[in-house]
C-alpha atoms as a PDB file:
ATOM      1  CA  UNK A   1      -0.117  -0.013   0.057  1.00  0.00           C
ATOM      2  CA  UNK A   2       1.695   3.421  -0.910  1.00  0.00           C
ATOM      3  CA  UNK A   3       1.951   6.242   1.613  1.00  0.00           C
ATOM      4  CA  UNK A   4      -0.991   8.140   0.371  1.00  0.00           C
ATOM      5  CA  UNK A   5      -3.178   5.242   0.472  1.00  0.00           C
ATOM      6  CA  UNK A   6      -2.091   4.319   3.963  1.00  0.00           C
ATOM      7  CA  UNK A   7      -2.561   8.165   4.924  1.00  0.00           C
ATOM      8  CA  UNK A   8      -6.150   7.999   3.561  1.00  0.00           C
ATOM      9  CA  UNK A   9      -7.047   4.809   5.363  1.00  0.00           C
ATOM     10  CA  UNK A  10      -5.864   6.185   8.661  1.00  0.00           C
ATOM     11  CA  UNK A  11      -7.274   9.472   8.175  1.00  0.00           C
ATOM     12  CA  UNK A  12     -10.694   7.744   7.267  1.00  0.00           C
ATOM     13  CA  UNK A  13     -10.731   5.573  10.556  1.00  0.00           C
ATOM     14  CA  UNK A  14      -9.454   8.593  12.845  1.00  0.00           C
ATOM     15  CA  UNK A  15     -12.419  10.884  11.404  1.00  0.00           C
ATOM     16  CA  UNK A  16     -15.041   8.416  11.592  1.00  0.00           C
ATOM     17  CA  UNK A  17     -13.930   7.788  15.494  1.00  0.00           C
ATOM     18  CA  UNK A  18     -14.656  11.767  15.869  1.00  0.00           C
ATOM     19  CA  UNK A  19     -18.097  11.247  13.971  1.00  0.00           C
ATOM     20  CA  UNK A  20     -16.737  13.955  11.462  1.00  0.00           C
ATOM     21  CA  UNK A  21     -16.325  13.576   7.715  1.00  0.00           C
ATOM     22  CA  UNK A  22     -13.000  12.928   6.153  1.00  0.00           C
ATOM     23  CA  UNK A  23     -11.042  16.240   6.552  1.00  0.00           C
ATOM     24  CA  UNK A  24      -9.266  17.887   3.476  1.00  0.00           C
ATOM     25  CA  UNK A  25     -10.601  15.117   1.087  1.00  0.00           C
ATOM     26  CA  UNK A  26      -9.167  17.261  -1.795  1.00  0.00           C
ATOM     27  CA  UNK A  27      -5.567  16.793  -0.518  1.00  0.00           C
ATOM     28  CA  UNK A  28      -5.443  13.430  -2.121  1.00  0.00           C
ATOM     29  CA  UNK A  29      -4.658  12.927  -5.733  1.00  0.00           C
ATOM     30  CA  UNK A  30      -7.254  12.831  -8.338  1.00  0.00           C
ATOM     31  CA  UNK A  31      -6.549   8.905  -8.723  1.00  0.00           C
ATOM     32  CA  UNK A  32      -7.748   8.604  -5.232  1.00  0.00           C
ATOM     33  CA  UNK A  33     -11.079  10.589  -5.275  1.00  0.00           C
ATOM     34  CA  UNK A  34     -13.399   7.726  -6.812  1.00  0.00           C
ATOM     35  CA  UNK A  35     -12.087   5.670  -3.991  1.00  0.00           C
ATOM     36  CA  UNK A  36     -12.878   8.307  -1.412  1.00  0.00           C
ATOM     37  CA  UNK A  37     -16.342   8.956  -2.980  1.00  0.00           C
ATOM     38  CA  UNK A  38     -17.125   5.138  -2.852  1.00  0.00           C
ATOM     39  CA  UNK A  39     -16.095   4.643   0.762  1.00  0.00           C
ATOM     40  CA  UNK A  40     -17.955   7.831   1.704  1.00  0.00           C
ATOM     41  CA  UNK A  41     -21.153   6.464   0.091  1.00  0.00           C
ATOM     42  CA  UNK A  42     -20.775   3.359   2.283  1.00  0.00           C
ATOM     43  CA  UNK A  43     -19.483   5.178   5.159  1.00  0.00           C
ATOM     44  CA  UNK A  44     -16.139   5.387   6.694  1.00  0.00           C
ATOM     45  CA  UNK A  45     -17.435   4.117  10.003  1.00  0.00           C
ATOM     46  CA  UNK A  46     -18.209   0.868   8.138  1.00  0.00           C
ATOM     47  CA  UNK A  47     -14.621   0.231   7.860  1.00  0.00           C
ATOM     48  CA  UNK A  48     -14.883  -0.959  11.370  1.00  0.00           C
ATOM     49  CA  UNK A  49     -17.490  -3.411  10.354  1.00  0.00           C
ATOM     50  CA  UNK A  50     -15.309  -4.956   7.583  1.00  0.00           C
ATOM     51  CA  UNK A  51     -17.118  -3.238   4.812  1.00  0.00           C
ATOM     52  CA  UNK A  52     -14.730  -1.666   2.323  1.00  0.00           C
ATOM     53  CA  UNK A  53     -15.244  -0.329  -0.998  1.00  0.00           C
ATOM     54  CA  UNK A  54     -14.092  -2.680  -3.778  1.00  0.00           C
ATOM     55  CA  UNK A  55     -11.888   0.216  -5.031  1.00  0.00           C
ATOM     56  CA  UNK A  56      -9.369  -0.470  -2.297  1.00  0.00           C
ATOM     57  CA  UNK A  57      -8.738  -4.029  -3.845  1.00  0.00           C
ATOM     58  CA  UNK A  58      -8.552  -2.440  -7.247  1.00  0.00           C
ATOM     59  CA  UNK A  59      -5.949   0.350  -6.202  1.00  0.00           C
ATOM     60  CA  UNK A  60      -3.990  -2.595  -4.445  1.00  0.00           C
ATOM     61  CA  UNK A  61      -3.668  -4.785  -7.421  1.00  0.00           C
ATOM     62  CA  UNK A  62      -2.658  -1.685  -9.566  1.00  0.00           C
ATOM     63  CA  UNK A  63       0.122  -0.911  -7.046  1.00  0.00           C
ATOM     64  CA  UNK A  64       1.239  -4.691  -7.357  1.00  0.00           C
ATOM     65  CA  UNK A  65       1.422  -4.367 -11.289  1.00  0.00           C
ATOM     66  CA  UNK A  66       2.942  -1.056 -11.241  1.00  0.00           C
ATOM     67  CA  UNK A  67       5.844  -2.283  -8.988  1.00  0.00           C
ATOM     68  CA  UNK A  68       6.382  -5.411 -10.849  1.00  0.00           C
ATOM     69  CA  UNK A  69       4.966  -7.908  -8.398  1.00  0.00           C
ATOM     70  CA  UNK A  70       3.197 -11.138  -9.596  1.00  0.00           C
ATOM     71  CA  UNK A  71      -0.486 -11.278  -8.288  1.00  0.00           C
ATOM     72  CA  UNK A  72      -1.101 -14.577  -6.129  1.00  0.00           C
ATOM     73  CA  UNK A  73      -3.634 -15.637  -3.694  1.00  0.00           C
ATOM     74  CA  UNK A  74      -1.516 -14.676  -1.087  1.00  0.00           C
ATOM     75  CA  UNK A  75      -1.072 -11.038  -2.116  1.00  0.00           C
ATOM     76  CA  UNK A  76      -4.499 -10.602  -3.909  1.00  0.00           C
ATOM     77  CA  UNK A  77      -7.030  -8.009  -3.390  1.00  0.00           C
ATOM     78  CA  UNK A  78      -9.346 -10.282  -1.572  1.00  0.00           C
ATOM     79  CA  UNK A  79      -6.405 -11.517   0.623  1.00  0.00           C
ATOM     80  CA  UNK A  80      -5.200  -7.905   1.453  1.00  0.00           C
ATOM     81  CA  UNK A  81      -8.779  -6.551   2.438  1.00  0.00           C
ATOM     82  CA  UNK A  82      -9.375  -9.576   4.533  1.00  0.00           C
ATOM     83  CA  UNK A  83      -6.125  -9.139   6.477  1.00  0.00           C
ATOM     84  CA  UNK A  84      -6.871  -5.323   6.788  1.00  0.00           C
ATOM     85  CA  UNK A  85     -10.210  -5.999   8.276  1.00  0.00           C
ATOM     86  CA  UNK A  86      -8.723  -8.604  10.758  1.00  0.00           C
ATOM     87  CA  UNK A  87      -6.009  -6.025  11.884  1.00  0.00           C
ATOM     88  CA  UNK A  88      -8.765  -3.325  12.396  1.00  0.00           C
ATOM     89  CA  UNK A  89     -10.919  -6.029  14.378  1.00  0.00           C
ATOM     90  CA  UNK A  90      -8.082  -6.780  16.453  1.00  0.00           C
ATOM     91  CA  UNK A  91      -7.542  -3.393  17.603  1.00  0.00           C
ATOM     92  CA  UNK A  92     -11.058  -2.918  17.954  1.00  0.00           C
ATOM     93  CA  UNK A  93     -11.316  -5.935  20.215  1.00  0.00           C
ATOM     94  CA  UNK A  94      -8.350  -4.691  22.209  1.00  0.00           C
ATOM     95  CA  UNK A  95     -10.149  -1.150  22.990  1.00  0.00           C
ATOM     96  CA  UNK A  96     -13.217  -3.161  23.804  1.00  0.00           C
ATOM     97  CA  UNK A  97     -11.507  -5.432  26.169  1.00  0.00           C
ATOM     98  CA  UNK A  98      -9.830  -2.395  27.855  1.00  0.00           C
ATOM     99  CA  UNK A  99     -13.239  -0.472  27.965  1.00  0.00           C
ATOM    100  CA  UNK A 100     -14.874  -3.523  29.889  1.00  0.00           C
ATOM    101  CA  UNK A 101     -11.910  -3.658  32.395  1.00  0.00           C
ATOM    102  CA  UNK A 102     -12.302  -0.118  33.136  1.00  0.00           C
ATOM    103  CA  UNK A 103     -16.042  -0.092  33.389  1.00  0.00           C
ATOM    104  CA  UNK A 104     -16.758  -3.640  35.007  1.00  0.00           C
ATOM    105  CA  UNK A 105     -13.619  -4.305  36.657  1.00  0.00           C
ATOM    106  CA  UNK A 106     -10.866  -7.089  35.745  1.00  0.00           C
ATOM    107  CA  UNK A 107     -11.412  -9.301  38.653  1.00  0.00           C
ATOM    108  CA  UNK A 108     -14.520 -10.828  40.241  1.00  0.00           C
ATOM    109  CA  UNK A 109     -14.317  -8.575  43.218  1.00  0.00           C
ATOM    110  CA  UNK A 110     -13.856  -5.543  41.101  1.00  0.00           C
ATOM    111  CA  UNK A 111     -16.798  -6.353  39.098  1.00  0.00           C
ATOM    112  CA  UNK A 112     -19.065  -6.889  42.142  1.00  0.00           C
ATOM    113  CA  UNK A 113     -17.898  -3.238  43.301  1.00  0.00           C
ATOM    114  CA  UNK A 114     -18.700  -1.834  40.085  1.00  0.00           C
ATOM    115  CA  UNK A 115     -22.316  -3.409  40.311  1.00  0.00           C
ATOM    116  CA  UNK A 116     -22.571  -2.017  43.730  1.00  0.00           C
ATOM    117  CA  UNK A 117     -21.650   1.527  42.713  1.00  0.00           C
ATOM    118  CA  UNK A 118     -24.304   1.309  39.965  1.00  0.00           C
ATOM    119  CA  UNK A 119     -26.764   0.394  42.369  1.00  0.00           C
ATOM    120  CA  UNK A 120     -25.784   3.102  44.630  1.00  0.00           C
ATOM    121  CA  UNK A 121     -26.019   5.718  41.789  1.00  0.00           C
ATOM    122  CA  UNK A 122     -29.559   4.244  41.059  1.00  0.00           C
ATOM    123  CA  UNK A 123     -30.686   4.587  44.662  1.00  0.00           C
ATOM    124  CA  UNK A 124     -29.167   7.953  45.043  1.00  0.00           C
ATOM    125  CA  UNK A 125     -31.272   9.062  41.898  1.00  0.00           C
ATOM    126  CA  UNK A 126     -34.563   8.068  43.359  1.00  0.00           C
ATOM    127  CA  UNK A 127     -33.882   9.835  46.741  1.00  0.00           C
ATOM    128  CA  UNK A 128     -33.108  12.760  44.339  1.00  0.00           C
ATOM    129  CA  UNK A 129     -36.387  12.514  42.693  1.00  0.00           C
ATOM    130  CA  UNK A 130     -38.100  12.444  46.272  1.00  0.00           C
ATOM    131  CA  UNK A 131     -36.303  15.615  47.363  1.00  0.00           C
ATOM    132  CA  UNK A 132     -36.992  17.390  44.427  1.00  0.00           C
ATOM    133  CA  UNK A 133     -40.428  16.677  44.404  1.00  0.00           C
ATOM    134  CA  UNK A 134     -40.236  14.537  41.064  1.00  0.00           C
ATOM    135  CA  UNK A 135     -42.562  12.049  42.706  1.00  0.00           C
ATOM    136  CA  UNK A 136     -46.272  12.188  43.188  1.00  0.00           C
ATOM    137  CA  UNK A 137     -47.818  12.692  46.595  1.00  0.00           C
ATOM    138  CA  UNK A 138     -49.068   9.209  46.560  1.00  0.00           C
ATOM    139  CA  UNK A 139     -45.795   7.468  46.472  1.00  0.00           C
ATOM    140  CA  UNK A 140     -45.408   4.973  49.405  1.00  0.00           C
ATOM    141  CA  UNK A 141     -43.380   6.678  51.932  1.00  0.00           C
ATOM    142  CA  UNK A 142     -42.285   3.693  53.913  1.00  0.00           C
ATOM    143  CA  UNK A 143     -40.249   2.392  50.889  1.00  0.00           C
ATOM    144  CA  UNK A 144     -37.610   5.043  51.677  1.00  0.00           C
ATOM    145  CA  UNK A 145     -35.365   5.647  54.653  1.00  0.00           C
ATOM    146  CA  UNK A 146     -35.384   9.328  56.074  1.00  0.00           C
ATOM    147  CA  UNK A 147     -32.336  10.041  54.128  1.00  0.00           C
ATOM    148  CA  UNK A 148     -29.977   8.621  51.514  1.00  0.00           C
ATOM    149  CA  UNK A 149     -27.105   8.459  54.009  1.00  0.00           C
ATOM    150  CA  UNK A 150     -29.137   6.330  56.507  1.00  0.00           C
ATOM    151  CA  UNK A 151     -30.113   4.109  53.766  1.00  0.00           C
ATOM    152  CA  UNK A 152     -26.824   3.460  52.730  1.00  0.00           C
ATOM    153  CA  UNK A 153     -25.601   3.030  56.408  1.00  0.00           C
ATOM    154  CA  UNK A 154     -28.306   0.287  56.894  1.00  0.00           C
ATOM    155  CA  UNK A 155     -28.372  -1.153  53.479  1.00  0.00           C
ATOM    156  CA  UNK A 156     -24.756  -0.810  51.703  1.00  0.00           C
ATOM    157  CA  UNK A 157     -24.087  -4.180  50.379  1.00  0.00           C
ATOM    158  CA  UNK A 158     -24.713  -5.242  46.709  1.00  0.00           C
ATOM    159  CA  UNK A 159     -27.253  -7.781  47.732  1.00  0.00           C
ATOM    160  CA  UNK A 160     -29.244  -5.365  49.936  1.00  0.00           C
ATOM    161  CA  UNK A 161     -29.361  -2.557  47.306  1.00  0.00           C
ATOM    162  CA  UNK A 162     -30.183  -4.826  44.453  1.00  0.00           C
ATOM    163  CA  UNK A 163     -33.006  -6.275  46.648  1.00  0.00           C
ATOM    164  CA  UNK A 164     -34.279  -2.780  47.453  1.00  0.00           C
ATOM    165  CA  UNK A 165     -34.266  -1.675  43.778  1.00  0.00           C
ATOM    166  CA  UNK A 166     -36.083  -4.896  42.660  1.00  0.00           C
ATOM    167  CA  UNK A 167     -38.671  -4.625  45.062  1.00  0.00           C
ATOM    168  CA  UNK A 168     -39.189  -0.682  44.708  1.00  0.00           C
ATOM    169  CA  UNK A 169     -38.056   0.470  41.316  1.00  0.00           C
ATOM    170  CA  UNK A 170     -41.408  -0.145  39.433  1.00  0.00           C
ATOM    171  CA  UNK A 171     -43.219   1.697  42.325  1.00  0.00           C
ATOM    172  CA  UNK A 172     -41.114   4.607  42.273  1.00  0.00           C
ATOM    173  CA  UNK A 173     -40.981   4.949  38.466  1.00  0.00           C
ATOM    174  CA  UNK A 174     -44.705   4.591  38.207  1.00  0.00           C
ATOM    175  CA  UNK A 175     -44.965   7.650  40.444  1.00  0.00           C
ATOM    176  CA  UNK A 176     -42.554   9.731  38.948  1.00  0.00           C
ATOM    177  CA  UNK A 177     -44.037  12.935  37.140  1.00  0.00           C
ATOM    178  CA  UNK A 178     -42.528  11.831  33.487  1.00  0.00           C
ATOM    179  CA  UNK A 179     -42.340   8.657  31.477  1.00  0.00           C
ATOM    180  CA  UNK A 180     -39.806   6.060  32.531  1.00  0.00           C
ATOM    181  CA  UNK A 181     -37.960   6.270  29.241  1.00  0.00           C
ATOM    182  CA  UNK A 182     -36.672   9.599  30.045  1.00  0.00           C
ATOM    183  CA  UNK A 183     -35.125   8.618  33.366  1.00  0.00           C
ATOM    184  CA  UNK A 184     -31.320   8.680  33.524  1.00  0.00           C
ATOM    185  CA  UNK A 185     -28.857   7.989  36.213  1.00  0.00           C
ATOM    186  CA  UNK A 186     -26.161  10.405  37.375  1.00  0.00           C
ATOM    187  CA  UNK A 187     -23.816   9.016  34.770  1.00  0.00           C
ATOM    188  CA  UNK A 188     -26.286   9.667  31.843  1.00  0.00           C
ATOM    189  CA  UNK A 189     -27.427   6.101  31.195  1.00  0.00           C
ATOM    190  CA  UNK A 190     -30.969   4.999  31.302  1.00  0.00           C
ATOM    191  CA  UNK A 191     -31.687   3.472  34.717  1.00  0.00           C
ATOM    192  CA  UNK A 192     -31.859  -0.576  34.873  1.00  0.00           C
ATOM    193  CA  UNK A 193     -31.390  -3.476  37.101  1.00  0.00           C
ATOM    194  CA  UNK A 194     -27.856  -3.124  38.372  1.00  0.00           C
ATOM    195  CA  UNK A 195     -27.204  -6.786  38.264  1.00  0.00           C
ATOM    196  CA  UNK A 196     -28.620  -7.497  34.936  1.00  0.00           C
ATOM    197  CA  UNK A 197     -28.541  -5.440  33.187  1.00  0.00           C
ATOM    198  CA  UNK A 198     -28.874   2.604   7.516  1.00  0.00           C
ATOM    199  CA  UNK A 199     -28.848   0.553   4.200  1.00  0.00           C
ATOM    200  CA  UNK A 200     -25.850   0.111   1.863  1.00  0.00           C
ATOM    201  CA  UNK A 201     -25.214  -0.853  -1.870  1.00  0.00           C
ATOM    202  CA  UNK A 202     -23.632  -4.340  -1.263  1.00  0.00           C
ATOM    203  CA  UNK A 203     -22.217  -4.190  -4.958  1.00  0.00           C
ATOM    204  CA  UNK A 204     -19.767  -1.525  -3.479  1.00  0.00           C
ATOM    205  CA  UNK A 205     -18.878  -3.388  -0.454  1.00  0.00           C
ATOM    206  CA  UNK A 206     -16.404  -6.052   0.349  1.00  0.00           C
ATOM    207  CA  UNK A 207     -17.063  -7.781   3.611  1.00  0.00           C
ATOM    208  CA  UNK A 208     -15.945 -10.882   5.584  1.00  0.00           C
ATOM    209  CA  UNK A 209     -17.602 -12.358   8.610  1.00  0.00           C
END
């Protein structure tokens, strides 16, 4: 792959991660403009799904011929794009694994503590609803402690918090003064049980599964 094509691929991946169109597409030579237009029609973000324009293969083969290489099954366009997709997926998987370790913990005890923190955040949200007057007057008062601090003092384990949420979540949400779908936790996620919690033109796409 030439330096310009490599740069184009890296830039396409970079800007798709930033949810932005390819920057300064005009900087690339005219010979690459059909490829840019073709991949843009599919969507640069689809590179992460293994959906590459067939023009990547075409340009790869043209470069092999230009440099005097014999085209074989091992360096063919199909093999090249398949290898490229696997490389992308390998790095995506590493990022996904790192994200899971940060979010859910890398050990069993870490995972339990992460789950407990989610439960605490959800319980805290419901106490905020009560203190802000977001719950209707007929919500059963006995389900709450006098304060969040007292609640967490008397029921702070994962099992205790999860049990309280399982028993009272539906009651609280049914008395909230807006639809449950709009309820979010302090970290911006929709509240949930803390323990369980566009078309493309296929003729333009090369993909592996």
